[in-house]
Amino acid sequence: MLEDSKNSDLFYNLDPNLILFSAEKNGYAVTGELIQLNSYENRVFEIKLEDRQSIIAKYYRPGRWSAATILDEHNFTAELKKESLEVAEALILKNGSTLDQIDSINYAFFNKVRGRLVQEFRPEHYKKLGRWIARLHNIGRKQEAQHRGFLGP
């Protein structure tokens, strides 16, 4: 997909006020503090809330994924969560969806999920990871993601 240059410019220069506004328009009481997080392709921020919690805001790069593809991803993570896999599920927004737009840029919010880096993998870690991946694939096999791209040879 090709990016629209105006949307691309807005995306690569996301203004903190626009980010905070998108949270406020969805009912979040923000403190004004936000932290940009690492992300290869999208723009991801931690937004601090007045109740001392944080949400994660993800702004999707224009032209990369369609809204339908993003919603397939959100539905899949919701299914994983329902099956008791620990994942960051997209939150329902004021529009009743997990996805909204601001200045033609798709975005979603997630609860902040804490994790920790395993310093050294031991055999039991590989077994646990293998079981987790198997469960993920078994759950994913139950329902087709109609808008997902195909990776193959």
N, C-alpha and C. Protein backbone atom coordinates (compact mmCIF):
# COMPACT_ATOMS: atom_id res chain seq x y z
N MET A 1 0.84 -1.18 0.00
CA MET A 1 0.00 0.00 0.00
C MET A 1 0.88 1.24 0.00
N LEU A 2 0.47 2.24 -0.73
CA LEU A 2 1.22 3.49 -0.75
C LEU A 2 0.65 4.45 0.28
N GLU A 3 1.53 5.21 0.89
CA GLU A 3 1.10 6.17 1.89
C GLU A 3 0.71 7.48 1.23
N ASP A 4 -0.35 8.10 1.70
CA ASP A 4 -0.69 9.45 1.31
C ASP A 4 0.32 10.37 2.00
N SER A 5 0.95 11.27 1.25
CA SER A 5 2.06 12.05 1.82
C SER A 5 1.61 12.95 2.96
N LYS A 6 0.38 13.52 2.89
CA LYS A 6 -0.11 14.36 3.98
C LYS A 6 -0.27 13.54 5.25
N ASN A 7 -0.93 12.37 5.13
CA ASN A 7 -1.10 11.50 6.30
C ASN A 7 0.24 11.03 6.83
N SER A 8 1.16 10.74 5.92
CA SER A 8 2.48 10.29 6.32
C SER A 8 3.20 11.37 7.11
N ASP A 9 3.12 12.62 6.64
CA ASP A 9 3.76 13.73 7.36
C ASP A 9 3.16 13.88 8.75
N LEU A 10 1.82 13.81 8.85
CA LEU A 10 1.17 13.92 10.16
C LEU A 10 1.61 12.79 11.08
N PHE A 11 1.69 11.59 10.53
CA PHE A 11 2.06 10.43 11.32
C PHE A 11 3.48 10.55 11.86
N TYR A 12 4.42 10.90 11.01
CA TYR A 12 5.81 10.97 11.44
C TYR A 12 6.09 12.16 12.34
N ASN A 13 5.16 13.10 12.39
CA ASN A 13 5.32 14.27 13.25
C ASN A 13 4.13 14.40 14.19
N LEU A 14 3.68 13.28 14.74
CA LEU A 14 2.54 13.31 15.65
C LEU A 14 2.79 14.30 16.78
N ASP A 15 1.83 15.17 16.97
CA ASP A 15 1.93 16.21 17.98
C ASP A 15 1.42 15.68 19.32
N PRO A 16 2.13 15.94 20.42
CA PRO A 16 1.66 15.46 21.73
C PRO A 16 0.23 15.90 22.05
N ASN A 17 -0.14 17.12 21.63
CA ASN A 17 -1.50 17.59 21.89
C ASN A 17 -2.54 16.74 21.17
N LEU A 18 -2.23 16.30 19.96
CA LEU A 18 -3.14 15.45 19.20
C LEU A 18 -3.29 14.08 19.88
N ILE A 19 -2.18 13.57 20.39
CA ILE A 19 -2.19 12.28 21.09
C ILE A 19 -3.04 12.37 22.36
N LEU A 20 -2.81 13.43 23.13
CA LEU A 20 -3.58 13.60 24.37
C LEU A 20 -5.05 13.86 24.06
N PHE A 21 -5.33 14.63 23.01
CA PHE A 21 -6.71 14.89 22.61
C PHE A 21 -7.44 13.59 22.26
N SER A 22 -6.77 12.70 21.54
CA SER A 22 -7.42 11.44 21.17
C SER A 22 -7.77 10.61 22.40
N ALA A 23 -6.94 10.69 23.44
CA ALA A 23 -7.25 9.99 24.69
C ALA A 23 -8.42 10.66 25.41
N GLU A 24 -8.39 11.99 25.48
CA GLU A 24 -9.47 12.71 26.16
C GLU A 24 -10.81 12.52 25.45
N LYS A 25 -10.80 12.49 24.12
CA LYS A 25 -12.06 12.32 23.39
C LYS A 25 -12.66 10.94 23.63
N ASN A 26 -11.86 10.02 24.15
CA ASN A 26 -12.35 8.68 24.48
C ASN A 26 -12.59 8.51 25.98
N GLY A 27 -12.64 9.63 26.70
CA GLY A 27 -13.03 9.60 28.10
C GLY A 27 -11.92 9.42 29.10
N TYR A 28 -10.68 9.46 28.67
CA TYR A 28 -9.56 9.30 29.60
C TYR A 28 -9.14 10.65 30.16
N ALA A 29 -8.97 10.72 31.48
CA ALA A 29 -8.49 11.94 32.14
C ALA A 29 -6.97 11.89 32.17
N VAL A 30 -6.35 12.63 31.28
CA VAL A 30 -4.89 12.56 31.13
C VAL A 30 -4.21 13.61 32.00
N THR A 31 -2.97 13.31 32.38
CA THR A 31 -2.18 14.28 33.16
C THR A 31 -1.40 15.22 32.25
N GLY A 32 -1.24 14.86 31.00
CA GLY A 32 -0.41 15.63 30.09
C GLY A 32 0.96 15.00 29.88
N GLU A 33 1.25 13.96 30.67
CA GLU A 33 2.54 13.29 30.55
C GLU A 33 2.41 12.10 29.60
N LEU A 34 3.31 12.04 28.64
CA LEU A 34 3.35 10.88 27.76
C LEU A 34 4.79 10.55 27.43
N ILE A 35 5.01 9.28 27.19
CA ILE A 35 6.36 8.77 26.91
C ILE A 35 6.28 7.99 25.61
N GLN A 36 7.16 8.33 24.66
CA GLN A 36 7.20 7.55 23.42
C GLN A 36 7.94 6.25 23.68
N LEU A 37 7.35 5.14 23.23
CA LEU A 37 7.92 3.81 23.41
C LEU A 37 8.53 3.32 22.09
N ASN A 38 9.38 2.33 22.20
CA ASN A 38 10.00 1.76 21.01
C ASN A 38 8.96 1.06 20.15
N SER A 39 9.04 1.29 18.86
CA SER A 39 8.20 0.59 17.90
C SER A 39 8.84 0.72 16.54
N TYR A 40 8.91 -0.39 15.84
CA TYR A 40 9.57 -0.41 14.53
C TYR A 40 8.76 0.32 13.48
N GLU A 41 7.45 0.09 13.46
CA GLU A 41 6.65 0.57 12.34
C GLU A 41 5.59 1.59 12.72
N ASN A 42 5.03 1.48 13.88
CA ASN A 42 3.95 2.36 14.31
C ASN A 42 4.49 3.37 15.31
N ARG A 43 3.64 4.22 15.81
CA ARG A 43 4.02 5.14 16.87
C ARG A 43 3.26 4.69 18.12
N VAL A 44 4.00 4.47 19.21
CA VAL A 44 3.41 3.93 20.43
C VAL A 44 3.82 4.81 21.60
N PHE A 45 2.84 5.15 22.44
CA PHE A 45 3.06 6.05 23.56
C PHE A 45 2.41 5.50 24.82
N GLU A 46 3.05 5.76 25.94
CA GLU A 46 2.43 5.53 27.25
C GLU A 46 1.86 6.86 27.68
N ILE A 47 0.56 6.88 27.99
CA ILE A 47 -0.11 8.10 28.42
C ILE A 47 -0.48 7.93 29.89
N LYS A 48 0.00 8.85 30.71
CA LYS A 48 -0.30 8.82 32.15
C LYS A 48 -1.69 9.41 32.39
N LEU A 49 -2.45 8.74 33.26
CA LEU A 49 -3.81 9.17 33.59
C LEU A 49 -3.86 9.73 35.00
N GLU A 50 -4.88 10.53 35.26
CA GLU A 50 -5.02 11.16 36.57
C GLU A 50 -5.22 10.16 37.70
N ASP A 51 -5.73 8.96 37.40
CA ASP A 51 -5.93 7.95 38.44
C ASP A 51 -4.66 7.14 38.71
N ARG A 52 -3.52 7.66 38.23
CA ARG A 52 -2.20 7.06 38.42
C ARG A 52 -1.97 5.80 37.60
N GLN A 53 -2.90 5.48 36.73
CA GLN A 53 -2.72 4.37 35.80
C GLN A 53 -2.13 4.92 34.50
N SER A 54 -1.85 4.03 33.59
CA SER A 54 -1.38 4.41 32.26
C SER A 54 -2.11 3.58 31.22
N ILE A 55 -2.27 4.17 30.04
CA ILE A 55 -2.74 3.40 28.89
C ILE A 55 -1.66 3.50 27.82
N ILE A 56 -1.69 2.55 26.92
CA ILE A 56 -0.77 2.56 25.79
C ILE A 56 -1.57 2.94 24.55
N ALA A 57 -1.08 3.94 23.84
CA ALA A 57 -1.72 4.40 22.61
C ALA A 57 -0.87 3.96 21.43
N LYS A 58 -1.52 3.34 20.45
CA LYS A 58 -0.80 2.87 19.26
C LYS A 58 -1.42 3.54 18.04
N TYR A 59 -0.59 4.29 17.31
CA TYR A 59 -0.99 4.97 16.08
C TYR A 59 -0.37 4.20 14.93
N TYR A 60 -1.23 3.71 14.05
CA TYR A 60 -0.79 2.83 12.97
C TYR A 60 -0.32 3.64 11.76
N ARG A 61 0.81 3.24 11.21
CA ARG A 61 1.37 3.94 10.06
C ARG A 61 0.39 3.91 8.89
N PRO A 62 0.05 5.09 8.36
CA PRO A 62 -0.89 5.15 7.24
C PRO A 62 -0.38 4.36 6.03
N GLY A 63 -1.30 3.67 5.38
CA GLY A 63 -0.97 2.94 4.17
C GLY A 63 -0.39 1.56 4.39
N ARG A 64 -0.08 1.22 5.62
CA ARG A 64 0.54 -0.08 5.89
C ARG A 64 -0.50 -1.17 6.08
N TRP A 65 -1.49 -0.91 6.94
CA TRP A 65 -2.54 -1.88 7.24
C TRP A 65 -3.89 -1.20 7.05
N SER A 66 -4.84 -1.93 6.51
CA SER A 66 -6.20 -1.39 6.41
C SER A 66 -6.85 -1.46 7.79
N ALA A 67 -7.92 -0.68 7.96
CA ALA A 67 -8.67 -0.74 9.23
C ALA A 67 -9.19 -2.16 9.46
N ALA A 68 -9.63 -2.83 8.40
CA ALA A 68 -10.14 -4.20 8.53
C ALA A 68 -9.06 -5.16 9.02
N THR A 69 -7.84 -4.98 8.55
CA THR A 69 -6.73 -5.84 8.98
C THR A 69 -6.41 -5.59 10.45
N ILE A 70 -6.41 -4.33 10.85
CA ILE A 70 -6.14 -3.99 12.25
C ILE A 70 -7.22 -4.58 13.15
N LEU A 71 -8.48 -4.48 12.72
CA LEU A 71 -9.57 -5.05 13.51
C LEU A 71 -9.47 -6.57 13.59
N ASP A 72 -9.00 -7.22 12.53
CA ASP A 72 -8.74 -8.67 12.60
C ASP A 72 -7.73 -8.97 13.71
N GLU A 73 -6.67 -8.15 13.78
CA GLU A 73 -5.65 -8.31 14.83
C GLU A 73 -6.27 -8.13 16.21
N HIS A 74 -7.10 -7.10 16.36
CA HIS A 74 -7.74 -6.84 17.65
C HIS A 74 -8.67 -7.98 18.04
N ASN A 75 -9.42 -8.50 17.08
CA ASN A 75 -10.32 -9.63 17.36
C ASN A 75 -9.53 -10.87 17.78
N PHE A 76 -8.39 -11.08 17.13
CA PHE A 76 -7.55 -12.24 17.47
C PHE A 76 -7.01 -12.11 18.89
N THR A 77 -6.52 -10.93 19.26
CA THR A 77 -6.00 -10.77 20.62
C THR A 77 -7.12 -10.90 21.65
N ALA A 78 -8.33 -10.45 21.30
CA ALA A 78 -9.47 -10.63 22.22
C ALA A 78 -9.77 -12.12 22.41
N GLU A 79 -9.67 -12.88 21.32
CA GLU A 79 -9.89 -14.33 21.40
C GLU A 79 -8.80 -14.99 22.25
N LEU A 80 -7.56 -14.56 22.08
CA LEU A 80 -6.46 -15.10 22.89
C LEU A 80 -6.70 -14.81 24.37
N LYS A 81 -7.13 -13.59 24.67
CA LYS A 81 -7.41 -13.19 26.05
C LYS A 81 -8.53 -14.06 26.63
N LYS A 82 -9.58 -14.28 25.83
CA LYS A 82 -10.70 -15.11 26.26
C LYS A 82 -10.25 -16.53 26.59
N GLU A 83 -9.22 -17.00 25.90
CA GLU A 83 -8.68 -18.35 26.12
C GLU A 83 -7.56 -18.35 27.17
N SER A 84 -7.47 -17.26 27.94
CA SER A 84 -6.55 -17.13 29.08
C SER A 84 -5.07 -16.99 28.71
N LEU A 85 -4.79 -16.54 27.49
CA LEU A 85 -3.41 -16.19 27.16
C LEU A 85 -3.19 -14.74 27.58
N GLU A 86 -2.04 -14.49 28.15
CA GLU A 86 -1.74 -13.14 28.63
C GLU A 86 -1.29 -12.27 27.46
N VAL A 87 -2.21 -11.44 26.98
CA VAL A 87 -1.93 -10.54 25.86
C VAL A 87 -2.49 -9.16 26.19
N ALA A 88 -2.01 -8.16 25.49
CA ALA A 88 -2.53 -6.80 25.62
C ALA A 88 -3.69 -6.65 24.65
N GLU A 89 -4.89 -6.67 25.18
CA GLU A 89 -6.10 -6.59 24.37
C GLU A 89 -6.45 -5.12 24.12
N ALA A 90 -6.87 -4.80 22.88
CA ALA A 90 -7.29 -3.44 22.55
C ALA A 90 -8.55 -3.10 23.34
N LEU A 91 -8.61 -1.87 23.82
CA LEU A 91 -9.74 -1.40 24.62
C LEU A 91 -10.88 -0.90 23.73
N ILE A 92 -12.10 -1.04 24.21
CA ILE A 92 -13.26 -0.52 23.49
C ILE A 92 -13.29 1.00 23.67
N LEU A 93 -13.43 1.70 22.56
CA LEU A 93 -13.43 3.16 22.56
C LEU A 93 -14.85 3.71 22.58
N LYS A 94 -14.98 5.02 22.67
CA LYS A 94 -16.30 5.66 22.73
C LYS A 94 -17.16 5.35 21.51
N ASN A 95 -16.52 5.08 20.36
CA ASN A 95 -17.28 4.77 19.14
C ASN A 95 -17.78 3.33 19.10
N GLY A 96 -17.51 2.56 20.17
CA GLY A 96 -17.96 1.17 20.24
C GLY A 96 -17.02 0.17 19.59
N SER A 97 -15.94 0.66 19.00
CA SER A 97 -14.95 -0.19 18.33
C SER A 97 -13.65 -0.15 19.12
N THR A 98 -12.69 -0.95 18.69
CA THR A 98 -11.35 -0.89 19.29
C THR A 98 -10.44 0.01 18.47
N LEU A 99 -10.98 0.60 17.40
CA LEU A 99 -10.18 1.40 16.48
C LEU A 99 -10.89 2.71 16.18
N ASP A 100 -10.12 3.79 16.15
CA ASP A 100 -10.66 5.10 15.79
C ASP A 100 -9.63 5.79 14.91
N GLN A 101 -9.98 6.97 14.43
CA GLN A 101 -9.07 7.76 13.60
C GLN A 101 -9.00 9.18 14.10
N ILE A 102 -7.83 9.76 13.93
CA ILE A 102 -7.67 11.19 14.14
C ILE A 102 -6.78 11.69 13.01
N ASP A 103 -7.25 12.70 12.30
CA ASP A 103 -6.55 13.19 11.11
C ASP A 103 -6.17 12.06 10.17
N SER A 104 -7.09 11.12 9.95
CA SER A 104 -6.92 9.98 9.04
C SER A 104 -5.87 8.97 9.49
N ILE A 105 -5.47 9.03 10.75
CA ILE A 105 -4.51 8.06 11.30
C ILE A 105 -5.27 7.13 12.24
N ASN A 106 -5.23 5.83 11.96
CA ASN A 106 -5.88 4.85 12.83
C ASN A 106 -5.12 4.73 14.14
N TYR A 107 -5.87 4.60 15.24
CA TYR A 107 -5.22 4.39 16.53
C TYR A 107 -6.08 3.50 17.41
N ALA A 108 -5.42 2.95 18.43
CA ALA A 108 -6.09 2.10 19.42
C ALA A 108 -5.41 2.32 20.76
N PHE A 109 -6.13 1.98 21.83
CA PHE A 109 -5.58 2.05 23.18
C PHE A 109 -5.57 0.66 23.79
N PHE A 110 -4.59 0.45 24.65
CA PHE A 110 -4.41 -0.82 25.35
C PHE A 110 -4.08 -0.53 26.80
N ASN A 111 -4.48 -1.45 27.70
CA ASN A 111 -3.98 -1.35 29.07
C ASN A 111 -2.49 -1.59 29.06
N LYS A 112 -1.80 -0.97 29.99
CA LYS A 112 -0.37 -1.22 30.11
C LYS A 112 -0.19 -2.60 30.74
N VAL A 113 0.61 -3.43 30.11
CA VAL A 113 0.88 -4.77 30.61
C VAL A 113 2.35 -4.83 30.98
N ARG A 114 2.61 -5.22 32.19
CA ARG A 114 4.00 -5.31 32.63
C ARG A 114 4.56 -6.69 32.33
N GLY A 115 5.82 -6.72 32.06
CA GLY A 115 6.49 -7.98 31.79
C GLY A 115 7.93 -7.87 32.27
N ARG A 116 8.65 -8.91 32.09
CA ARG A 116 10.07 -8.85 32.46
C ARG A 116 10.87 -9.65 31.46
N LEU A 117 12.06 -9.23 31.28
CA LEU A 117 12.97 -9.88 30.35
C LEU A 117 13.67 -11.02 31.07
N VAL A 118 13.62 -12.19 30.47
CA VAL A 118 14.34 -13.34 31.02
C VAL A 118 15.80 -13.18 30.60
N GLN A 119 16.68 -13.12 31.57
CA GLN A 119 18.09 -12.89 31.28
C GLN A 119 18.76 -14.07 30.59
N GLU A 120 18.36 -15.27 31.00
CA GLU A 120 18.96 -16.46 30.40
C GLU A 120 17.89 -17.53 30.26
N PHE A 121 17.66 -17.97 29.03
CA PHE A 121 16.68 -19.02 28.80
C PHE A 121 17.23 -20.36 29.26
N ARG A 122 16.40 -21.05 30.04
CA ARG A 122 16.72 -22.41 30.47
C ARG A 122 15.74 -23.35 29.78
N PRO A 123 16.00 -24.65 29.82
CA PRO A 123 15.12 -25.61 29.12
C PRO A 123 13.64 -25.45 29.46
N GLU A 124 13.32 -25.16 30.71
CA GLU A 124 11.90 -25.01 31.07
C GLU A 124 11.27 -23.78 30.41
N HIS A 125 12.07 -22.76 30.14
CA HIS A 125 11.55 -21.58 29.44
C HIS A 125 11.17 -21.94 28.00
N TYR A 126 12.01 -22.72 27.34
CA TYR A 126 11.71 -23.13 25.96
C TYR A 126 10.45 -23.97 25.90
N LYS A 127 10.27 -24.84 26.88
CA LYS A 127 9.06 -25.67 26.92
C LYS A 127 7.82 -24.80 27.12
N LYS A 128 7.91 -23.86 28.04
CA LYS A 128 6.78 -22.97 28.31
C LYS A 128 6.46 -22.13 27.07
N LEU A 129 7.48 -21.60 26.43
CA LEU A 129 7.29 -20.80 25.22
C LEU A 129 6.68 -21.65 24.11
N GLY A 130 7.17 -22.87 23.95
CA GLY A 130 6.63 -23.77 22.93
C GLY A 130 5.15 -24.07 23.15
N ARG A 131 4.76 -24.31 24.41
CA ARG A 131 3.35 -24.56 24.72
C ARG A 131 2.51 -23.32 24.42
N TRP A 132 3.05 -22.15 24.75
CA TRP A 132 2.33 -20.90 24.52
C TRP A 132 2.11 -20.69 23.02
N ILE A 133 3.15 -20.90 22.22
CA ILE A 133 3.04 -20.74 20.77
C ILE A 133 2.06 -21.76 20.18
N ALA A 134 2.08 -22.98 20.68
CA ALA A 134 1.14 -24.01 20.21
C ALA A 134 -0.30 -23.58 20.50
N ARG A 135 -0.55 -23.08 21.70
CA ARG A 135 -1.89 -22.60 22.06
C ARG A 135 -2.31 -21.46 21.15
N LEU A 136 -1.39 -20.53 20.91
CA LEU A 136 -1.67 -19.39 20.05
C LEU A 136 -2.09 -19.87 18.66
N HIS A 137 -1.36 -20.82 18.10
CA HIS A 137 -1.69 -21.34 16.78
C HIS A 137 -3.01 -22.11 16.78
N ASN A 138 -3.27 -22.87 17.82
CA ASN A 138 -4.53 -23.62 17.90
C ASN A 138 -5.72 -22.68 17.99
N ILE A 139 -5.59 -21.61 18.74
CA ILE A 139 -6.67 -20.62 18.84
C ILE A 139 -6.83 -19.90 17.51
N GLY A 140 -5.72 -19.54 16.89
CA GLY A 140 -5.77 -18.84 15.61
C GLY A 140 -6.39 -19.66 14.50
N ARG A 141 -6.27 -20.95 14.59
CA ARG A 141 -6.81 -21.85 13.57
C ARG A 141 -8.34 -21.91 13.61
N LYS A 142 -8.94 -21.56 14.74
CA LYS A 142 -10.39 -21.65 14.90
C LYS A 142 -11.15 -20.66 14.03
N GLN A 143 -10.54 -19.52 13.76
CA GLN A 143 -11.26 -18.46 13.05
C GLN A 143 -10.33 -17.82 12.03
N GLU A 144 -10.81 -17.69 10.81
CA GLU A 144 -9.99 -17.11 9.75
C GLU A 144 -9.98 -15.59 9.86
N ALA A 145 -8.80 -15.01 9.74
CA ALA A 145 -8.67 -13.56 9.67
C ALA A 145 -8.75 -13.19 8.19
N GLN A 146 -9.89 -12.70 7.78
CA GLN A 146 -10.15 -12.50 6.36
C GLN A 146 -9.27 -11.44 5.71
N HIS A 147 -8.76 -10.52 6.49
CA HIS A 147 -8.01 -9.40 5.92
C HIS A 147 -6.51 -9.48 6.18
N ARG A 148 -6.07 -10.59 6.73
CA ARG A 148 -4.64 -10.75 7.04
C ARG A 148 -3.87 -11.08 5.77
N GLY A 149 -2.71 -10.49 5.64
CA GLY A 149 -1.85 -10.80 4.51
C GLY A 149 -1.30 -12.20 4.62
N PHE A 150 -0.83 -12.74 3.53
CA PHE A 150 -0.27 -14.08 3.52
C PHE A 150 1.24 -14.00 3.44
N LEU A 151 1.91 -14.72 4.33
CA LEU A 151 3.36 -14.84 4.27
C LEU A 151 3.69 -16.24 3.80
N GLY A 152 4.50 -16.34 2.82
CA GLY A 152 4.86 -17.66 2.32
C GLY A 152 6.01 -17.57 1.33
N PRO A 153 6.42 -18.73 0.85
CA PRO A 153 7.55 -18.74 -0.09
C PRO A 153 7.19 -18.10 -1.43
